[in-house]
Amino acid sequence: VKEYSSAGEVRYQTKGDANESEDAIISRSQVLGRVVFH
């Protein structure tokens, strides 16, 4: 839902579509991949 860039490092904030609150900000290295099929 949000992207942050600081000192060349990209961070992301995610949120479940059915959740009211957002998740903690995560680093690029924590992301395993994007959903391409379900």
PDB file of all heavy atoms in Angstrom:
ATOM      1  N   VAL A   1       0.825  -1.221   0.000  1.00  0.00           N
ATOM      2  CA  VAL A   1       0.000   0.000   0.000  1.00  0.00           C
ATOM      3  C   VAL A   1       0.854   1.265   0.000  1.00  0.00           C
ATOM      4  O   VAL A   1       0.369   2.337  -0.381  1.00  0.00           O
ATOM      5  CB  VAL A   1      -0.960   0.004   1.213  1.00  0.00           C
ATOM      6  CG1 VAL A   1      -2.002  -1.099   1.068  1.00  0.00           C
ATOM      7  CG2 VAL A   1      -0.203  -0.133   2.526  1.00  0.00           C
ATOM      8  N   LYS A   2       2.127   1.134   0.410  1.00  0.00           N
ATOM      9  CA  LYS A   2       3.007   2.297   0.424  1.00  0.00           C
ATOM     10  C   LYS A   2       4.440   1.859   0.122  1.00  0.00           C
ATOM     11  O   LYS A   2       4.839   0.732   0.437  1.00  0.00           O
ATOM     12  CB  LYS A   2       2.972   3.005   1.789  1.00  0.00           C
ATOM     13  CG  LYS A   2       1.639   3.655   2.134  1.00  0.00           C
ATOM     14  CD  LYS A   2       1.692   4.290   3.513  1.00  0.00           C
ATOM     15  CE  LYS A   2       0.339   4.876   3.904  1.00  0.00           C
ATOM     16  NZ  LYS A   2       0.352   5.451   5.279  1.00  0.00           N
ATOM     17  N   GLU A   3       5.191   2.759  -0.476  1.00  0.00           N
ATOM     18  CA  GLU A   3       6.605   2.526  -0.750  1.00  0.00           C
ATOM     19  C   GLU A   3       7.427   3.651  -0.103  1.00  0.00           C
ATOM     20  O   GLU A   3       7.026   4.813  -0.136  1.00  0.00           O
ATOM     21  CB  GLU A   3       6.882   2.514  -2.245  1.00  0.00           C
ATOM     22  CG  GLU A   3       6.191   1.395  -3.012  1.00  0.00           C
ATOM     23  CD  GLU A   3       6.495   1.459  -4.502  1.00  0.00           C
ATOM     24  OE1 GLU A   3       7.696   1.419  -4.861  1.00  0.00           O
ATOM     25  OE2 GLU A   3       5.543   1.585  -5.304  1.00  0.00           O
ATOM     26  N   TYR A   4       8.557   3.265   0.469  1.00  0.00           N
ATOM     27  CA  TYR A   4       9.447   4.248   1.080  1.00  0.00           C
ATOM     28  C   TYR A   4      10.851   4.032   0.517  1.00  0.00           C
ATOM     29  O   TYR A   4      11.304   2.889   0.357  1.00  0.00           O
ATOM     30  CB  TYR A   4       9.482   4.085   2.601  1.00  0.00           C
ATOM     31  CG  TYR A   4       8.131   4.236   3.274  1.00  0.00           C
ATOM     32  CD1 TYR A   4       7.354   3.119   3.559  1.00  0.00           C
ATOM     33  CD2 TYR A   4       7.647   5.493   3.615  1.00  0.00           C
ATOM     34  CE1 TYR A   4       6.121   3.244   4.170  1.00  0.00           C
ATOM     35  CE2 TYR A   4       6.408   5.638   4.239  1.00  0.00           C
ATOM     36  CZ  TYR A   4       5.652   4.499   4.504  1.00  0.00           C
ATOM     37  OH  TYR A   4       4.423   4.638   5.118  1.00  0.00           O
ATOM     38  N   SER A   5      11.516   5.112   0.229  1.00  0.00           N
ATOM     39  CA  SER A   5      12.880   5.034  -0.274  1.00  0.00           C
ATOM     40  C   SER A   5      13.745   5.985   0.537  1.00  0.00           C
ATOM     41  O   SER A   5      13.461   7.189   0.632  1.00  0.00           O
ATOM     42  CB  SER A   5      12.930   5.407  -1.760  1.00  0.00           C
ATOM     43  OG  SER A   5      14.258   5.321  -2.237  1.00  0.00           O
ATOM     44  N   SER A   6      14.788   5.432   1.127  1.00  0.00           N
ATOM     45  CA  SER A   6      15.676   6.244   1.965  1.00  0.00           C
ATOM     46  C   SER A   6      17.095   5.720   1.816  1.00  0.00           C
ATOM     47  O   SER A   6      17.348   4.517   2.041  1.00  0.00           O
ATOM     48  CB  SER A   6      15.247   6.180   3.436  1.00  0.00           C
ATOM     49  OG  SER A   6      16.152   6.881   4.255  1.00  0.00           O
ATOM     50  N   ALA A   7      18.007   6.625   1.438  1.00  0.00           N
ATOM     51  CA  ALA A   7      19.428   6.287   1.279  1.00  0.00           C
ATOM     52  C   ALA A   7      19.616   5.117   0.319  1.00  0.00           C
ATOM     53  O   ALA A   7      20.449   4.230   0.544  1.00  0.00           O
ATOM     54  CB  ALA A   7      20.060   5.985   2.634  1.00  0.00           C
ATOM     55  N   GLY A   8      18.808   5.109  -0.733  1.00  0.00           N
ATOM     56  CA  GLY A   8      18.937   4.056  -1.745  1.00  0.00           C
ATOM     57  C   GLY A   8      18.300   2.739  -1.365  1.00  0.00           C
ATOM     58  O   GLY A   8      18.372   1.771  -2.122  1.00  0.00           O
ATOM     59  N   GLU A   9      17.673   2.677  -0.199  1.00  0.00           N
ATOM     60  CA  GLU A   9      17.027   1.438   0.242  1.00  0.00           C
ATOM     61  C   GLU A   9      15.512   1.599   0.144  1.00  0.00           C
ATOM     62  O   GLU A   9      14.950   2.586   0.613  1.00  0.00           O
ATOM     63  CB  GLU A   9      17.428   1.103   1.675  1.00  0.00           C
ATOM     64  CG  GLU A   9      16.825  -0.206   2.162  1.00  0.00           C
ATOM     65  CD  GLU A   9      17.199  -0.514   3.609  1.00  0.00           C
ATOM     66  OE1 GLU A   9      17.925   0.302   4.215  1.00  0.00           O
ATOM     67  OE2 GLU A   9      16.758  -1.559   4.116  1.00  0.00           O
ATOM     68  N   VAL A  10      14.889   0.620  -0.457  1.00  0.00           N
ATOM     69  CA  VAL A  10      13.442   0.654  -0.639  1.00  0.00           C
ATOM     70  C   VAL A  10      12.779  -0.194   0.440  1.00  0.00           C
ATOM     71  O   VAL A  10      13.203  -1.323   0.721  1.00  0.00           O
ATOM     72  CB  VAL A  10      13.042   0.131  -2.036  1.00  0.00           C
ATOM     73  CG1 VAL A  10      11.521   0.160  -2.206  1.00  0.00           C
ATOM     74  CG2 VAL A  10      13.718   0.955  -3.125  1.00  0.00           C
ATOM     75  N   ARG A  11      11.739   0.373   1.037  1.00  0.00           N
ATOM     76  CA  ARG A  11      10.943  -0.367   2.023  1.00  0.00           C
ATOM     77  C   ARG A  11       9.477  -0.315   1.610  1.00  0.00           C
ATOM     78  O   ARG A  11       9.054   0.590   0.880  1.00  0.00           O
ATOM     79  CB  ARG A  11      11.116   0.222   3.425  1.00  0.00           C
ATOM     80  CG  ARG A  11      12.494   0.012   4.008  1.00  0.00           C
ATOM     81  CD  ARG A  11      12.652   0.691   5.362  1.00  0.00           C
ATOM     82  NE  ARG A  11      13.902   0.346   5.990  1.00  0.00           N
ATOM     83  CZ  ARG A  11      14.063  -0.695   6.809  1.00  0.00           C
ATOM     84  NH1 ARG A  11      13.019  -1.479   7.097  1.00  0.00           N
ATOM     85  NH2 ARG A  11      15.239  -0.947   7.333  1.00  0.00           N
ATOM     86  N   TYR A  12       8.743  -1.301   2.116  1.00  0.00           N
ATOM     87  CA  TYR A  12       7.331  -1.396   1.731  1.00  0.00           C
ATOM     88  C   TYR A  12       6.475  -1.531   2.987  1.00  0.00           C
ATOM     89  O   TYR A  12       6.906  -2.076   4.011  1.00  0.00           O
ATOM     90  CB  TYR A  12       7.085  -2.622   0.842  1.00  0.00           C
ATOM     91  CG  TYR A  12       7.946  -2.667  -0.398  1.00  0.00           C
ATOM     92  CD1 TYR A  12       9.052  -3.510  -0.458  1.00  0.00           C
ATOM     93  CD2 TYR A  12       7.646  -1.886  -1.510  1.00  0.00           C
ATOM     94  CE1 TYR A  12       9.844  -3.568  -1.579  1.00  0.00           C
ATOM     95  CE2 TYR A  12       8.435  -1.937  -2.647  1.00  0.00           C
ATOM     96  CZ  TYR A  12       9.535  -2.782  -2.678  1.00  0.00           C
ATOM     97  OH  TYR A  12      10.312  -2.824  -3.799  1.00  0.00           O
ATOM     98  N   GLN A  13       5.243  -1.053   2.838  1.00  0.00           N
ATOM     99  CA  GLN A  13       4.239  -1.296   3.867  1.00  0.00           C
ATOM    100  C   GLN A  13       3.078  -2.022   3.201  1.00  0.00           C
ATOM    101  O   GLN A  13       2.581  -1.603   2.159  1.00  0.00           O
ATOM    102  CB  GLN A  13       3.751   0.002   4.507  1.00  0.00           C
ATOM    103  CG  GLN A  13       2.866  -0.241   5.734  1.00  0.00           C
ATOM    104  CD  GLN A  13       2.740   1.008   6.596  1.00  0.00           C
ATOM    105  OE1 GLN A  13       2.591   2.113   6.070  1.00  0.00           O
ATOM    106  NE2 GLN A  13       2.800   0.835   7.911  1.00  0.00           N
ATOM    107  N   THR A  14       2.686  -3.122   3.808  1.00  0.00           N
ATOM    108  CA  THR A  14       1.629  -3.949   3.220  1.00  0.00           C
ATOM    109  C   THR A  14       0.400  -3.956   4.122  1.00  0.00           C
ATOM    110  O   THR A  14       0.453  -3.554   5.291  1.00  0.00           O
ATOM    111  CB  THR A  14       2.121  -5.407   3.022  1.00  0.00           C
ATOM    112  OG1 THR A  14       2.468  -5.963   4.304  1.00  0.00           O
ATOM    113  CG2 THR A  14       3.317  -5.453   2.097  1.00  0.00           C
ATOM    114  N   LYS A  15      -0.676  -4.445   3.559  1.00  0.00           N
ATOM    115  CA  LYS A  15      -1.933  -4.519   4.315  1.00  0.00           C
ATOM    116  C   LYS A  15      -2.828  -5.559   3.657  1.00  0.00           C
ATOM    117  O   LYS A  15      -2.897  -5.650   2.426  1.00  0.00           O
ATOM    118  CB  LYS A  15      -2.624  -3.159   4.319  1.00  0.00           C
ATOM    119  CG  LYS A  15      -4.014  -3.134   4.959  1.00  0.00           C
ATOM    120  CD  LYS A  15      -4.598  -1.751   4.868  1.00  0.00           C
ATOM    121  CE  LYS A  15      -6.047  -1.720   5.369  1.00  0.00           C
ATOM    122  NZ  LYS A  15      -6.937  -2.573   4.543  1.00  0.00           N
ATOM    123  N   GLY A  16      -3.491  -6.341   4.479  1.00  0.00           N
ATOM    124  CA  GLY A  16      -4.479  -7.275   3.951  1.00  0.00           C
ATOM    125  C   GLY A  16      -5.723  -6.533   3.510  1.00  0.00           C
ATOM    126  O   GLY A  16      -6.173  -5.602   4.191  1.00  0.00           O
ATOM    127  N   ASP A  17      -6.287  -6.910   2.382  1.00  0.00           N
ATOM    128  CA  ASP A  17      -7.476  -6.216   1.872  1.00  0.00           C
ATOM    129  C   ASP A  17      -8.624  -6.248   2.873  1.00  0.00           C
ATOM    130  O   ASP A  17      -9.434  -5.312   2.929  1.00  0.00           O
ATOM    131  CB  ASP A  17      -7.927  -6.860   0.547  1.00  0.00           C
ATOM    132  CG  ASP A  17      -6.952  -6.571  -0.581  1.00  0.00           C
ATOM    133  OD1 ASP A  17      -5.982  -5.823  -0.355  1.00  0.00           O
ATOM    134  OD2 ASP A  17      -7.161  -7.102  -1.694  1.00  0.00           O
ATOM    135  N   ALA A  18      -8.702  -7.315   3.659  1.00  0.00           N
ATOM    136  CA  ALA A  18      -9.796  -7.443   4.622  1.00  0.00           C
ATOM    137  C   ALA A  18      -9.414  -6.937   6.012  1.00  0.00           C
ATOM    138  O   ALA A  18     -10.255  -6.970   6.928  1.00  0.00           O
ATOM    139  CB  ALA A  18     -10.251  -8.900   4.699  1.00  0.00           C
ATOM    140  N   ASN A  19      -8.182  -6.502   6.177  1.00  0.00           N
ATOM    141  CA  ASN A  19      -7.725  -6.004   7.479  1.00  0.00           C
ATOM    142  C   ASN A  19      -7.941  -4.493   7.596  1.00  0.00           C
ATOM    143  O   ASN A  19      -7.923  -3.767   6.593  1.00  0.00           O
ATOM    144  CB  ASN A  19      -6.246  -6.322   7.695  1.00  0.00           C
ATOM    145  CG  ASN A  19      -5.997  -7.820   7.834  1.00  0.00           C
ATOM    146  OD1 ASN A  19      -6.936  -8.601   7.955  1.00  0.00           O
ATOM    147  ND2 ASN A  19      -4.733  -8.212   7.799  1.00  0.00           N
ATOM    148  N   GLU A  20      -8.123  -4.028   8.800  1.00  0.00           N
ATOM    149  CA  GLU A  20      -8.294  -2.592   9.028  1.00  0.00           C
ATOM    150  C   GLU A  20      -6.954  -1.881   9.218  1.00  0.00           C
ATOM    151  O   GLU A  20      -6.809  -0.714   8.839  1.00  0.00           O
ATOM    152  CB  GLU A  20      -9.195  -2.363  10.249  1.00  0.00           C
ATOM    153  CG  GLU A  20     -10.625  -2.864  10.076  1.00  0.00           C
ATOM    154  CD  GLU A  20     -11.482  -2.560  11.286  1.00  0.00           C
ATOM    155  OE1 GLU A  20     -10.934  -1.982  12.267  1.00  0.00           O
ATOM    156  OE2 GLU A  20     -12.686  -2.891  11.269  1.00  0.00           O
ATOM    157  N   SER A  21      -5.993  -2.585   9.801  1.00  0.00           N
ATOM    158  CA  SER A  21      -4.704  -1.953  10.092  1.00  0.00           C
ATOM    159  C   SER A  21      -3.643  -2.416   9.104  1.00  0.00           C
ATOM    160  O   SER A  21      -3.733  -3.495   8.510  1.00  0.00           O
ATOM    161  CB  SER A  21      -4.259  -2.290  11.524  1.00  0.00           C
ATOM    162  OG  SER A  21      -4.139  -3.697  11.683  1.00  0.00           O
ATOM    163  N   GLU A  22      -2.632  -1.581   8.969  1.00  0.00           N
ATOM    164  CA  GLU A  22      -1.524  -1.896   8.085  1.00  0.00           C
ATOM    165  C   GLU A  22      -0.477  -2.726   8.826  1.00  0.00           C
ATOM    166  O   GLU A  22      -0.427  -2.740  10.056  1.00  0.00           O
ATOM    167  CB  GLU A  22      -0.905  -0.603   7.551  1.00  0.00           C
ATOM    168  CG  GLU A  22      -1.871   0.221   6.712  1.00  0.00           C
ATOM    169  CD  GLU A  22      -1.268   1.554   6.321  1.00  0.00           C
ATOM    170  OE1 GLU A  22      -0.282   1.968   6.966  1.00  0.00           O
ATOM    171  OE2 GLU A  22      -1.795   2.194   5.391  1.00  0.00           O
ATOM    172  N   ASP A  23       0.352  -3.405   8.031  1.00  0.00           N
ATOM    173  CA  ASP A  23       1.423  -4.207   8.621  1.00  0.00           C
ATOM    174  C   ASP A  23       2.628  -3.318   8.915  1.00  0.00           C
ATOM    175  O   ASP A  23       2.693  -2.152   8.502  1.00  0.00           O
ATOM    176  CB  ASP A  23       1.847  -5.328   7.665  1.00  0.00           C
ATOM    177  CG  ASP A  23       0.669  -6.195   7.250  1.00  0.00           C
ATOM    178  OD1 ASP A  23      -0.153  -6.524   8.118  1.00  0.00           O
ATOM    179  OD2 ASP A  23       0.568  -6.536   6.047  1.00  0.00           O
ATOM    180  N   ALA A  24       3.583  -3.895   9.603  1.00  0.00           N
ATOM    181  CA  ALA A  24       4.840  -3.175   9.855  1.00  0.00           C
ATOM    182  C   ALA A  24       5.602  -3.000   8.546  1.00  0.00           C
ATOM    183  O   ALA A  24       5.446  -3.788   7.603  1.00  0.00           O
ATOM    184  CB  ALA A  24       5.677  -3.949  10.867  1.00  0.00           C
ATOM    185  N   ILE A  25       6.404  -1.976   8.493  1.00  0.00           N
ATOM    186  CA  ILE A  25       7.203  -1.726   7.292  1.00  0.00           C
ATOM    187  C   ILE A  25       8.257  -2.823   7.151  1.00  0.00           C
ATOM    188  O   ILE A  25       8.915  -3.213   8.129  1.00  0.00           O
ATOM    189  CB  ILE A  25       7.872  -0.338   7.367  1.00  0.00           C
ATOM    190  CG1 ILE A  25       6.795   0.749   7.419  1.00  0.00           C
ATOM    191  CG2 ILE A  25       8.785  -0.115   6.171  1.00  0.00           C
ATOM    192  CD1 ILE A  25       7.359   2.152   7.613  1.00  0.00           C
ATOM    193  N   ILE A  26       8.415  -3.306   5.933  1.00  0.00           N
ATOM    194  CA  ILE A  26       9.352  -4.412   5.671  1.00  0.00           C
ATOM    195  C   ILE A  26      10.401  -3.952   4.671  1.00  0.00           C
ATOM    196  O   ILE A  26      10.189  -3.003   3.902  1.00  0.00           O
ATOM    197  CB  ILE A  26       8.624  -5.665   5.125  1.00  0.00           C
ATOM    198  CG1 ILE A  26       7.903  -5.328   3.813  1.00  0.00           C
ATOM    199  CG2 ILE A  26       7.673  -6.225   6.164  1.00  0.00           C
ATOM    200  CD1 ILE A  26       7.262  -6.528   3.135  1.00  0.00           C
ATOM    201  N   SER A  27      11.535  -4.634   4.685  1.00  0.00           N
ATOM    202  CA  SER A  27      12.608  -4.313   3.750  1.00  0.00           C
ATOM    203  C   SER A  27      12.445  -5.109   2.462  1.00  0.00           C
ATOM    204  O   SER A  27      11.690  -6.093   2.398  1.00  0.00           O
ATOM    205  CB  SER A  27      13.967  -4.631   4.394  1.00  0.00           C
ATOM    206  OG  SER A  27      14.078  -6.025   4.640  1.00  0.00           O
ATOM    207  N   ARG A  28      13.182  -4.696   1.470  1.00  0.00           N
ATOM    208  CA  ARG A  28      13.139  -5.381   0.170  1.00  0.00           C
ATOM    209  C   ARG A  28      13.587  -6.830   0.293  1.00  0.00           C
ATOM    210  O   ARG A  28      13.062  -7.704  -0.403  1.00  0.00           O
ATOM    211  CB  ARG A  28      14.041  -4.620  -0.816  1.00  0.00           C
ATOM    212  CG  ARG A  28      14.306  -5.309  -2.151  1.00  0.00           C
ATOM    213  CD  ARG A  28      13.045  -5.414  -2.966  1.00  0.00           C
ATOM    214  NE  ARG A  28      13.300  -6.061  -4.245  1.00  0.00           N
ATOM    215  CZ  ARG A  28      13.423  -7.373  -4.410  1.00  0.00           C
ATOM    216  NH1 ARG A  28      13.331  -8.184  -3.362  1.00  0.00           N
ATOM    217  NH2 ARG A  28      13.640  -7.881  -5.596  1.00  0.00           N
ATOM    218  N   SER A  29      14.523  -7.094   1.173  1.00  0.00           N
ATOM    219  CA  SER A  29      15.060  -8.453   1.312  1.00  0.00           C
ATOM    220  C   SER A  29      14.056  -9.420   1.932  1.00  0.00           C
ATOM    221  O   SER A  29      14.206 -10.638   1.823  1.00  0.00           O
ATOM    222  CB  SER A  29      16.337  -8.439   2.160  1.00  0.00           C
ATOM    223  OG  SER A  29      16.073  -7.928   3.461  1.00  0.00           O
ATOM    224  N   GLN A  30      13.038  -8.885   2.590  1.00  0.00           N
ATOM    225  CA  GLN A  30      12.030  -9.760   3.211  1.00  0.00           C
ATOM    226  C   GLN A  30      10.994 -10.255   2.206  1.00  0.00           C
ATOM    227  O   GLN A  30      10.289 -11.231   2.475  1.00  0.00           O
ATOM    228  CB  GLN A  30      11.316  -9.008   4.343  1.00  0.00           C
ATOM    229  CG  GLN A  30      12.177  -8.742   5.564  1.00  0.00           C
ATOM    230  CD  GLN A  30      11.419  -7.963   6.612  1.00  0.00           C
ATOM    231  OE1 GLN A  30      11.652  -6.753   6.804  1.00  0.00           O
ATOM    232  NE2 GLN A  30      10.513  -8.624   7.319  1.00  0.00           N
ATOM    233  N   VAL A  31      10.897  -9.595   1.082  1.00  0.00           N
ATOM    234  CA  VAL A  31       9.886  -9.968   0.082  1.00  0.00           C
ATOM    235  C   VAL A  31      10.359 -11.197  -0.690  1.00  0.00           C
ATOM    236  O   VAL A  31      11.449 -11.197  -1.283  1.00  0.00           O
ATOM    237  CB  VAL A  31       9.611  -8.803  -0.886  1.00  0.00           C
ATOM    238  CG1 VAL A  31       8.534  -9.212  -1.892  1.00  0.00           C
ATOM    239  CG2 VAL A  31       9.187  -7.563  -0.113  1.00  0.00           C
ATOM    240  N   LEU A  32       9.542 -12.239  -0.689  1.00  0.00           N
ATOM    241  CA  LEU A  32       9.873 -13.468  -1.402  1.00  0.00           C
ATOM    242  C   LEU A  32       9.470 -13.413  -2.873  1.00  0.00           C
ATOM    243  O   LEU A  32      10.109 -14.027  -3.720  1.00  0.00           O
ATOM    244  CB  LEU A  32       9.184 -14.666  -0.735  1.00  0.00           C
ATOM    245  CG  LEU A  32       9.553 -14.933   0.725  1.00  0.00           C
ATOM    246  CD1 LEU A  32       8.732 -16.093   1.277  1.00  0.00           C
ATOM    247  CD2 LEU A  32      11.038 -15.222   0.848  1.00  0.00           C
ATOM    248  N   GLY A  33       8.395 -12.696  -3.173  1.00  0.00           N
ATOM    249  CA  GLY A  33       7.964 -12.615  -4.558  1.00  0.00           C
ATOM    250  C   GLY A  33       6.561 -12.058  -4.683  1.00  0.00           C
ATOM    251  O   GLY A  33       5.847 -11.877  -3.693  1.00  0.00           O
ATOM    252  N   ARG A  34       6.191 -11.788  -5.924  1.00  0.00           N
ATOM    253  CA  ARG A  34       4.860 -11.254  -6.223  1.00  0.00           C
ATOM    254  C   ARG A  34       3.948 -12.389  -6.669  1.00  0.00           C
ATOM    255  O   ARG A  34       4.377 -13.320  -7.376  1.00  0.00           O
ATOM    256  CB  ARG A  34       4.949 -10.206  -7.330  1.00  0.00           C
ATOM    257  CG  ARG A  34       3.619  -9.572  -7.722  1.00  0.00           C
ATOM    258  CD  ARG A  34       3.834  -8.472  -8.751  1.00  0.00           C
ATOM    259  NE  ARG A  34       4.295  -9.025 -10.016  1.00  0.00           N
ATOM    260  CZ  ARG A  34       3.482  -9.442 -11.000  1.00  0.00           C
ATOM    261  NH1 ARG A  34       2.157  -9.374 -10.840  1.00  0.00           N
ATOM    262  NH2 ARG A  34       3.993  -9.896 -12.125  1.00  0.00           N
ATOM    263  N   VAL A  35       2.691 -12.318  -6.275  1.00  0.00           N
ATOM    264  CA  VAL A  35       1.716 -13.340  -6.665  1.00  0.00           C
ATOM    265  C   VAL A  35       1.403 -13.176  -8.156  1.00  0.00           C
ATOM    266  O   VAL A  35       0.924 -12.133  -8.588  1.00  0.00           O
ATOM    267  CB  VAL A  35       0.421 -13.234  -5.834  1.00  0.00           C
ATOM    268  CG1 VAL A  35      -0.605 -14.245  -6.322  1.00  0.00           C
ATOM    269  CG2 VAL A  35       0.727 -13.462  -4.354  1.00  0.00           C
ATOM    270  N   VAL A  36       1.685 -14.216  -8.930  1.00  0.00           N
ATOM    271  CA  VAL A  36       1.453 -14.169 -10.378  1.00  0.00           C
ATOM    272  C   VAL A  36       0.321 -15.096 -10.807  1.00  0.00           C
ATOM    273  O   VAL A  36      -0.145 -15.023 -11.949  1.00  0.00           O
ATOM    274  CB  VAL A  36       2.736 -14.528 -11.150  1.00  0.00           C
ATOM    275  CG1 VAL A  36       3.813 -13.476 -10.917  1.00  0.00           C
ATOM    276  CG2 VAL A  36       3.251 -15.911 -10.756  1.00  0.00           C
ATOM    277  N   PHE A  37      -0.100 -15.974  -9.897  1.00  0.00           N
ATOM    278  CA  PHE A  37      -1.178 -16.905 -10.233  1.00  0.00           C
ATOM    279  C   PHE A  37      -1.811 -17.390  -8.943  1.00  0.00           C
ATOM    280  O   PHE A  37      -1.133 -17.570  -7.937  1.00  0.00           O
ATOM    281  CB  PHE A  37      -0.644 -18.096 -11.032  1.00  0.00           C
ATOM    282  CG  PHE A  37      -1.672 -19.165 -11.319  1.00  0.00           C
ATOM    283  CD1 PHE A  37      -2.581 -19.014 -12.360  1.00  0.00           C
ATOM    284  CD2 PHE A  37      -1.732 -20.311 -10.538  1.00  0.00           C
ATOM    285  CE1 PHE A  37      -3.533 -19.988 -12.624  1.00  0.00           C
ATOM    286  CE2 PHE A  37      -2.685 -21.283 -10.798  1.00  0.00           C
ATOM    287  CZ  PHE A  37      -3.581 -21.116 -11.836  1.00  0.00           C
ATOM    288  N   HIS A  38      -3.119 -17.608  -8.988  1.00  0.00           N
ATOM    289  CA  HIS A  38      -3.788 -18.188  -7.810  1.00  0.00           C
ATOM    290  C   HIS A  38      -4.978 -19.029  -8.267  1.00  0.00           C
ATOM    291  O   HIS A  38      -5.600 -18.745  -9.296  1.00  0.00           O
ATOM    292  CB  HIS A  38      -4.246 -17.094  -6.839  1.00  0.00           C
ATOM    293  CG  HIS A  38      -5.326 -16.207  -7.397  1.00  0.00           C
ATOM    294  ND1 HIS A  38      -6.668 -16.426  -7.178  1.00  0.00           N
ATOM    295  CD2 HIS A  38      -5.255 -15.091  -8.164  1.00  0.00           C
ATOM    296  CE1 HIS A  38      -7.372 -15.492  -7.776  1.00  0.00           C
ATOM    297  NE2 HIS A  38      -6.546 -14.671  -8.387  1.00  0.00           N
TER     298      HIS A  38
END
